[in-house]
């Protein structure tokens, strides 16, 4: 009666898709409960750990999965909240940056975005301000996407945080302005990593 999936082969058989990597769970959440102050950026603090090596494997397999055409955008999603989507997106961005690529991570989870917290940056102005052209106080946002890009402590890695929580994130992401934003960022960066929403909860990632 056990219908759970336990092995890579079972995943590939059920989904008819290849498994790129098995990313090991980090003990960071346990450390946070003990207030030890450990960073969620495992690649920065524990570069030779098993967890870090598993994320490097994911990076390598992503690069090999598209030999003829260079990957410019990667969307990270999950099925439900709490599965490690934002943590994976952040650490994947770090490992690409460490490999010499100019990377930007865009926190497109405008409901419960965590990237500003992970990288210890401010949440506003961010993606929602640019897409809606509004500041959090309702005034017009006129600085363009450059005004939303923040440098992180990781070399080669920049961040666009969520911005103010909007009432209509799905509509903003489906807009023409989002497509224009992606094209602008492609000209500035080697790789764009988008941290999306859980796909079974809301339609934003779709």
C-alpha atoms as a PDB file:
ATOM      1  CA  UNK A   1       0.000   0.000   0.000  1.00  0.00           C
ATOM      2  CA  UNK A   2       3.069   2.275   0.059  1.00  0.00           C
ATOM      3  CA  UNK A   3       2.832   4.548  -2.986  1.00  0.00           C
ATOM      4  CA  UNK A   4       5.543   7.042  -1.969  1.00  0.00           C
ATOM      5  CA  UNK A   5       8.499   7.730  -4.267  1.00  0.00           C
ATOM      6  CA  UNK A   6      11.901   6.826  -2.850  1.00  0.00           C
ATOM      7  CA  UNK A   7      14.324   6.519  -5.771  1.00  0.00           C
ATOM      8  CA  UNK A   8      15.371   8.583  -8.775  1.00  0.00           C
ATOM      9  CA  UNK A   9      14.243   5.820 -11.113  1.00  0.00           C
ATOM     10  CA  UNK A  10      10.712   5.987  -9.723  1.00  0.00           C
ATOM     11  CA  UNK A  11      10.569   9.737 -10.288  1.00  0.00           C
ATOM     12  CA  UNK A  12      11.684   9.385 -13.894  1.00  0.00           C
ATOM     13  CA  UNK A  13       9.226   6.561 -14.505  1.00  0.00           C
ATOM     14  CA  UNK A  14       6.270   8.493 -13.068  1.00  0.00           C
ATOM     15  CA  UNK A  15       7.041  11.955 -14.499  1.00  0.00           C
ATOM     16  CA  UNK A  16       8.835  10.946 -17.706  1.00  0.00           C
ATOM     17  CA  UNK A  17      11.461  13.593 -16.899  1.00  0.00           C
ATOM     18  CA  UNK A  18      15.144  13.234 -15.982  1.00  0.00           C
ATOM     19  CA  UNK A  19      16.377  13.864 -12.451  1.00  0.00           C
ATOM     20  CA  UNK A  20      19.083  16.539 -12.601  1.00  0.00           C
ATOM     21  CA  UNK A  21      20.330  16.183  -9.030  1.00  0.00           C
ATOM     22  CA  UNK A  22      19.462  15.069  -5.531  1.00  0.00           C
ATOM     23  CA  UNK A  23      19.967  18.065  -3.244  1.00  0.00           C
ATOM     24  CA  UNK A  24      20.562  17.087   0.348  1.00  0.00           C
ATOM     25  CA  UNK A  25      18.692  18.753   3.164  1.00  0.00           C
ATOM     26  CA  UNK A  26      20.615  21.373   5.112  1.00  0.00           C
ATOM     27  CA  UNK A  27      20.743  21.512   8.901  1.00  0.00           C
ATOM     28  CA  UNK A  28      20.482  25.316   8.754  1.00  0.00           C
ATOM     29  CA  UNK A  29      16.861  25.372   9.933  1.00  0.00           C
ATOM     30  CA  UNK A  30      17.846  23.382  13.012  1.00  0.00           C
ATOM     31  CA  UNK A  31      20.694  25.803  13.670  1.00  0.00           C
ATOM     32  CA  UNK A  32      18.351  28.802  13.350  1.00  0.00           C
ATOM     33  CA  UNK A  33      16.146  27.395  16.093  1.00  0.00           C
ATOM     34  CA  UNK A  34      19.182  27.315  18.354  1.00  0.00           C
ATOM     35  CA  UNK A  35      19.982  30.968  17.444  1.00  0.00           C
ATOM     36  CA  UNK A  36      23.490  30.084  16.325  1.00  0.00           C
ATOM     37  CA  UNK A  37      23.293  32.717  13.566  1.00  0.00           C
ATOM     38  CA  UNK A  38      24.238  30.358  10.748  1.00  0.00           C
ATOM     39  CA  UNK A  39      23.658  31.653   7.240  1.00  0.00           C
ATOM     40  CA  UNK A  40      21.290  29.934   4.821  1.00  0.00           C
ATOM     41  CA  UNK A  41      23.885  30.437   2.097  1.00  0.00           C
ATOM     42  CA  UNK A  42      25.552  27.074   2.576  1.00  0.00           C
ATOM     43  CA  UNK A  43      27.783  27.551  -0.487  1.00  0.00           C
ATOM     44  CA  UNK A  44      29.370  30.610   1.143  1.00  0.00           C
ATOM     45  CA  UNK A  45      29.925  29.220   4.632  1.00  0.00           C
ATOM     46  CA  UNK A  46      30.333  25.479   3.995  1.00  0.00           C
ATOM     47  CA  UNK A  47      31.647  25.241   0.398  1.00  0.00           C
ATOM     48  CA  UNK A  48      32.981  21.680   0.790  1.00  0.00           C
ATOM     49  CA  UNK A  49      29.995  20.189   2.588  1.00  0.00           C
ATOM     50  CA  UNK A  50      27.878  17.371   1.145  1.00  0.00           C
ATOM     51  CA  UNK A  51      24.992  19.828   0.762  1.00  0.00           C
ATOM     52  CA  UNK A  52      27.164  22.268  -1.205  1.00  0.00           C
ATOM     53  CA  UNK A  53      28.479  19.516  -3.451  1.00  0.00           C
ATOM     54  CA  UNK A  54      24.919  18.406  -4.250  1.00  0.00           C
ATOM     55  CA  UNK A  55      24.027  21.943  -5.357  1.00  0.00           C
ATOM     56  CA  UNK A  56      27.176  22.107  -7.498  1.00  0.00           C
ATOM     57  CA  UNK A  57      26.045  18.860  -9.117  1.00  0.00           C
ATOM     58  CA  UNK A  58      22.719  20.504  -9.928  1.00  0.00           C
ATOM     59  CA  UNK A  59      24.539  23.470 -11.493  1.00  0.00           C
ATOM     60  CA  UNK A  60      26.753  21.214 -13.611  1.00  0.00           C
ATOM     61  CA  UNK A  61      23.871  19.062 -14.832  1.00  0.00           C
ATOM     62  CA  UNK A  62      21.828  22.148 -15.716  1.00  0.00           C
ATOM     63  CA  UNK A  63      24.726  23.394 -17.824  1.00  0.00           C
ATOM     64  CA  UNK A  64      25.102  20.017 -19.553  1.00  0.00           C
ATOM     65  CA  UNK A  65      21.355  19.769 -20.154  1.00  0.00           C
ATOM     66  CA  UNK A  66      21.516  22.597 -22.673  1.00  0.00           C
ATOM     67  CA  UNK A  67      24.681  22.205 -24.721  1.00  0.00           C
ATOM     68  CA  UNK A  68      23.525  23.805 -27.976  1.00  0.00           C
ATOM     69  CA  UNK A  69      21.890  26.863 -26.412  1.00  0.00           C
ATOM     70  CA  UNK A  70      23.141  28.627 -23.296  1.00  0.00           C
ATOM     71  CA  UNK A  71      20.626  28.743 -20.451  1.00  0.00           C
ATOM     72  CA  UNK A  72      19.722  32.342 -19.611  1.00  0.00           C
ATOM     73  CA  UNK A  73      16.735  31.920 -17.266  1.00  0.00           C
ATOM     74  CA  UNK A  74      15.870  29.346 -14.596  1.00  0.00           C
ATOM     75  CA  UNK A  75      12.609  29.323 -12.626  1.00  0.00           C
ATOM     76  CA  UNK A  76      12.643  27.523  -9.279  1.00  0.00           C
ATOM     77  CA  UNK A  77       9.277  26.358  -7.975  1.00  0.00           C
ATOM     78  CA  UNK A  78       7.921  23.646  -5.674  1.00  0.00           C
ATOM     79  CA  UNK A  79       4.649  21.830  -5.155  1.00  0.00           C
ATOM     80  CA  UNK A  80       3.781  23.185  -1.692  1.00  0.00           C
ATOM     81  CA  UNK A  81       5.307  25.738   0.737  1.00  0.00           C
ATOM     82  CA  UNK A  82       8.175  24.659   2.974  1.00  0.00           C
ATOM     83  CA  UNK A  83       9.968  22.356   0.528  1.00  0.00           C
ATOM     84  CA  UNK A  84      13.117  24.499   0.266  1.00  0.00           C
ATOM     85  CA  UNK A  85      12.404  26.351  -2.985  1.00  0.00           C
ATOM     86  CA  UNK A  86      13.856  29.719  -1.933  1.00  0.00           C
ATOM     87  CA  UNK A  87      16.814  28.091  -0.195  1.00  0.00           C
ATOM     88  CA  UNK A  88      17.605  26.093  -3.345  1.00  0.00           C
ATOM     89  CA  UNK A  89      17.226  29.154  -5.583  1.00  0.00           C
ATOM     90  CA  UNK A  90      19.576  31.237  -3.415  1.00  0.00           C
ATOM     91  CA  UNK A  91      22.289  28.602  -3.169  1.00  0.00           C
ATOM     92  CA  UNK A  92      22.031  27.722  -6.858  1.00  0.00           C
ATOM     93  CA  UNK A  93      22.535  31.404  -7.665  1.00  0.00           C
ATOM     94  CA  UNK A  94      25.613  31.469  -5.422  1.00  0.00           C
ATOM     95  CA  UNK A  95      27.207  28.433  -7.066  1.00  0.00           C
ATOM     96  CA  UNK A  96      26.695  29.879 -10.567  1.00  0.00           C
ATOM     97  CA  UNK A  97      28.227  33.172  -9.385  1.00  0.00           C
ATOM     98  CA  UNK A  98      31.182  31.323  -7.878  1.00  0.00           C
ATOM     99  CA  UNK A  99      31.708  29.670 -11.267  1.00  0.00           C
ATOM    100  CA  UNK A 100      32.272  33.112 -12.791  1.00  0.00           C
ATOM    101  CA  UNK A 101      28.849  33.899 -14.235  1.00  0.00           C
ATOM    102  CA  UNK A 102      27.244  37.291 -13.690  1.00  0.00           C
ATOM    103  CA  UNK A 103      24.013  36.235 -11.978  1.00  0.00           C
ATOM    104  CA  UNK A 104      20.865  37.984 -10.778  1.00  0.00           C
ATOM    105  CA  UNK A 105      18.230  36.345  -8.601  1.00  0.00           C
ATOM    106  CA  UNK A 106      14.735  37.794  -8.951  1.00  0.00           C
ATOM    107  CA  UNK A 107      12.370  37.095  -6.060  1.00  0.00           C
ATOM    108  CA  UNK A 108       9.112  36.693  -7.957  1.00  0.00           C
ATOM    109  CA  UNK A 109       7.249  35.247  -4.979  1.00  0.00           C
ATOM    110  CA  UNK A 110       5.477  38.526  -4.270  1.00  0.00           C
ATOM    111  CA  UNK A 111       3.364  36.872  -1.583  1.00  0.00           C
ATOM    112  CA  UNK A 112       5.966  35.407   0.796  1.00  0.00           C
ATOM    113  CA  UNK A 113       9.333  36.263  -0.761  1.00  0.00           C
ATOM    114  CA  UNK A 114      12.405  35.362   1.291  1.00  0.00           C
ATOM    115  CA  UNK A 115      15.415  36.350  -0.790  1.00  0.00           C
ATOM    116  CA  UNK A 116      15.889  39.761   0.868  1.00  0.00           C
ATOM    117  CA  UNK A 117      16.038  37.979   4.227  1.00  0.00           C
ATOM    118  CA  UNK A 118      18.411  35.272   2.978  1.00  0.00           C
ATOM    119  CA  UNK A 119      20.847  37.796   1.487  1.00  0.00           C
ATOM    120  CA  UNK A 120      20.276  40.331   4.287  1.00  0.00           C
ATOM    121  CA  UNK A 121      19.044  43.073   1.962  1.00  0.00           C
ATOM    122  CA  UNK A 122      15.950  45.295   1.909  1.00  0.00           C
ATOM    123  CA  UNK A 123      12.688  44.089   0.357  1.00  0.00           C
ATOM    124  CA  UNK A 124      11.827  47.450  -1.252  1.00  0.00           C
ATOM    125  CA  UNK A 125      12.026  48.765  -3.866  1.00  0.00           C
ATOM    126  CA  UNK A 126      11.720  45.509  -5.756  1.00  0.00           C
ATOM    127  CA  UNK A 127       9.917  43.587  -8.457  1.00  0.00           C
ATOM    128  CA  UNK A 128       6.389  44.692  -7.565  1.00  0.00           C
ATOM    129  CA  UNK A 129       7.437  48.362  -7.495  1.00  0.00           C
ATOM    130  CA  UNK A 130       8.900  48.084 -10.984  1.00  0.00           C
ATOM    131  CA  UNK A 131       5.995  46.128 -12.479  1.00  0.00           C
ATOM    132  CA  UNK A 132       3.256  48.286 -10.923  1.00  0.00           C
ATOM    133  CA  UNK A 133       5.284  51.522 -11.182  1.00  0.00           C
ATOM    134  CA  UNK A 134       4.289  52.294  -7.595  1.00  0.00           C
ATOM    135  CA  UNK A 135       6.179  52.741  -4.375  1.00  0.00           C
ATOM    136  CA  UNK A 136       4.869  51.135  -1.218  1.00  0.00           C
ATOM    137  CA  UNK A 137       3.308  54.469  -0.203  1.00  0.00           C
ATOM    138  CA  UNK A 138       1.375  54.748  -3.466  1.00  0.00           C
ATOM    139  CA  UNK A 139       3.667  57.305  -5.071  1.00  0.00           C
ATOM    140  CA  UNK A 140       4.936  56.709  -8.601  1.00  0.00           C
ATOM    141  CA  UNK A 141       8.089  54.621  -8.954  1.00  0.00           C
ATOM    142  CA  UNK A 142      10.243  56.170 -11.676  1.00  0.00           C
ATOM    143  CA  UNK A 143      13.738  54.720 -11.223  1.00  0.00           C
ATOM    144  CA  UNK A 144      13.348  51.727 -13.553  1.00  0.00           C
ATOM    145  CA  UNK A 145      14.746  48.284 -12.869  1.00  0.00           C
ATOM    146  CA  UNK A 146      18.229  49.646 -12.122  1.00  0.00           C
ATOM    147  CA  UNK A 147      16.775  51.248  -9.011  1.00  0.00           C
ATOM    148  CA  UNK A 148      15.621  47.817  -7.799  1.00  0.00           C
ATOM    149  CA  UNK A 149      18.883  45.896  -8.330  1.00  0.00           C
ATOM    150  CA  UNK A 150      20.904  45.353  -5.153  1.00  0.00           C
ATOM    151  CA  UNK A 151      24.424  44.015  -4.868  1.00  0.00           C
ATOM    152  CA  UNK A 152      24.910  41.088  -2.496  1.00  0.00           C
ATOM    153  CA  UNK A 153      27.911  40.049  -0.435  1.00  0.00           C
ATOM    154  CA  UNK A 154      28.586  37.334  -3.032  1.00  0.00           C
ATOM    155  CA  UNK A 155      30.810  38.376  -5.924  1.00  0.00           C
ATOM    156  CA  UNK A 156      29.020  38.403  -9.325  1.00  0.00           C
ATOM    157  CA  UNK A 157      25.592  38.039  -7.686  1.00  0.00           C
ATOM    158  CA  UNK A 158      22.846  40.693  -7.653  1.00  0.00           C
ATOM    159  CA  UNK A 159      19.294  40.648  -6.318  1.00  0.00           C
ATOM    160  CA  UNK A 160      15.889  42.043  -7.167  1.00  0.00           C
ATOM    161  CA  UNK A 161      13.757  41.594  -4.053  1.00  0.00           C
ATOM    162  CA  UNK A 162       9.961  41.270  -4.000  1.00  0.00           C
ATOM    163  CA  UNK A 163       9.067  44.868  -3.272  1.00  0.00           C
ATOM    164  CA  UNK A 164       5.796  45.831  -1.614  1.00  0.00           C
ATOM    165  CA  UNK A 165       3.199  43.037  -1.447  1.00  0.00           C
ATOM    166  CA  UNK A 166       0.749  43.785  -4.290  1.00  0.00           C
ATOM    167  CA  UNK A 167      -2.936  42.803  -4.440  1.00  0.00           C
ATOM    168  CA  UNK A 168      -2.496  41.232  -7.903  1.00  0.00           C
ATOM    169  CA  UNK A 169       0.854  39.385  -8.228  1.00  0.00           C
ATOM    170  CA  UNK A 170      -0.400  36.915 -10.860  1.00  0.00           C
ATOM    171  CA  UNK A 171      -1.561  39.725 -13.128  1.00  0.00           C
ATOM    172  CA  UNK A 172       1.710  41.618 -12.706  1.00  0.00           C
ATOM    173  CA  UNK A 173       3.775  38.549 -13.630  1.00  0.00           C
ATOM    174  CA  UNK A 174       1.614  37.840 -16.676  1.00  0.00           C
ATOM    175  CA  UNK A 175       2.046  41.382 -17.979  1.00  0.00           C
ATOM    176  CA  UNK A 176       3.992  42.572 -21.001  1.00  0.00           C
ATOM    177  CA  UNK A 177       6.249  44.498 -18.640  1.00  0.00           C
ATOM    178  CA  UNK A 178       7.492  41.256 -17.074  1.00  0.00           C
ATOM    179  CA  UNK A 179       8.596  39.977 -20.478  1.00  0.00           C
ATOM    180  CA  UNK A 180      10.324  43.302 -21.146  1.00  0.00           C
ATOM    181  CA  UNK A 181      12.061  43.044 -17.759  1.00  0.00           C
ATOM    182  CA  UNK A 182      13.443  39.577 -18.550  1.00  0.00           C
ATOM    183  CA  UNK A 183      14.839  40.817 -21.873  1.00  0.00           C
ATOM    184  CA  UNK A 184      16.499  43.799 -20.159  1.00  0.00           C
ATOM    185  CA  UNK A 185      18.090  41.576 -17.526  1.00  0.00           C
ATOM    186  CA  UNK A 186      19.328  39.140 -20.193  1.00  0.00           C
ATOM    187  CA  UNK A 187      21.375  41.995 -21.639  1.00  0.00           C
ATOM    188  CA  UNK A 188      22.893  42.832 -18.246  1.00  0.00           C
ATOM    189  CA  UNK A 189      23.505  39.360 -16.786  1.00  0.00           C
ATOM    190  CA  UNK A 190      24.674  35.922 -17.880  1.00  0.00           C
ATOM    191  CA  UNK A 191      21.960  34.145 -15.896  1.00  0.00           C
ATOM    192  CA  UNK A 192      18.606  35.045 -14.336  1.00  0.00           C
ATOM    193  CA  UNK A 193      17.280  32.826 -11.539  1.00  0.00           C
ATOM    194  CA  UNK A 194      13.635  33.423 -10.615  1.00  0.00           C
ATOM    195  CA  UNK A 195      12.349  32.286  -7.239  1.00  0.00           C
ATOM    196  CA  UNK A 196       8.680  31.551  -7.942  1.00  0.00           C
ATOM    197  CA  UNK A 197       5.689  30.507  -5.875  1.00  0.00           C
ATOM    198  CA  UNK A 198       4.611  26.935  -5.022  1.00  0.00           C
ATOM    199  CA  UNK A 199       2.841  25.792  -8.193  1.00  0.00           C
ATOM    200  CA  UNK A 200      -0.050  23.897  -6.591  1.00  0.00           C
ATOM    201  CA  UNK A 201      -1.101  26.830  -4.392  1.00  0.00           C
ATOM    202  CA  UNK A 202      -1.259  29.831  -6.770  1.00  0.00           C
ATOM    203  CA  UNK A 203      -0.803  30.380 -10.515  1.00  0.00           C
ATOM    204  CA  UNK A 204       2.118  32.848 -10.347  1.00  0.00           C
ATOM    205  CA  UNK A 205       4.825  30.354 -11.351  1.00  0.00           C
ATOM    206  CA  UNK A 206       2.721  29.069 -14.254  1.00  0.00           C
END
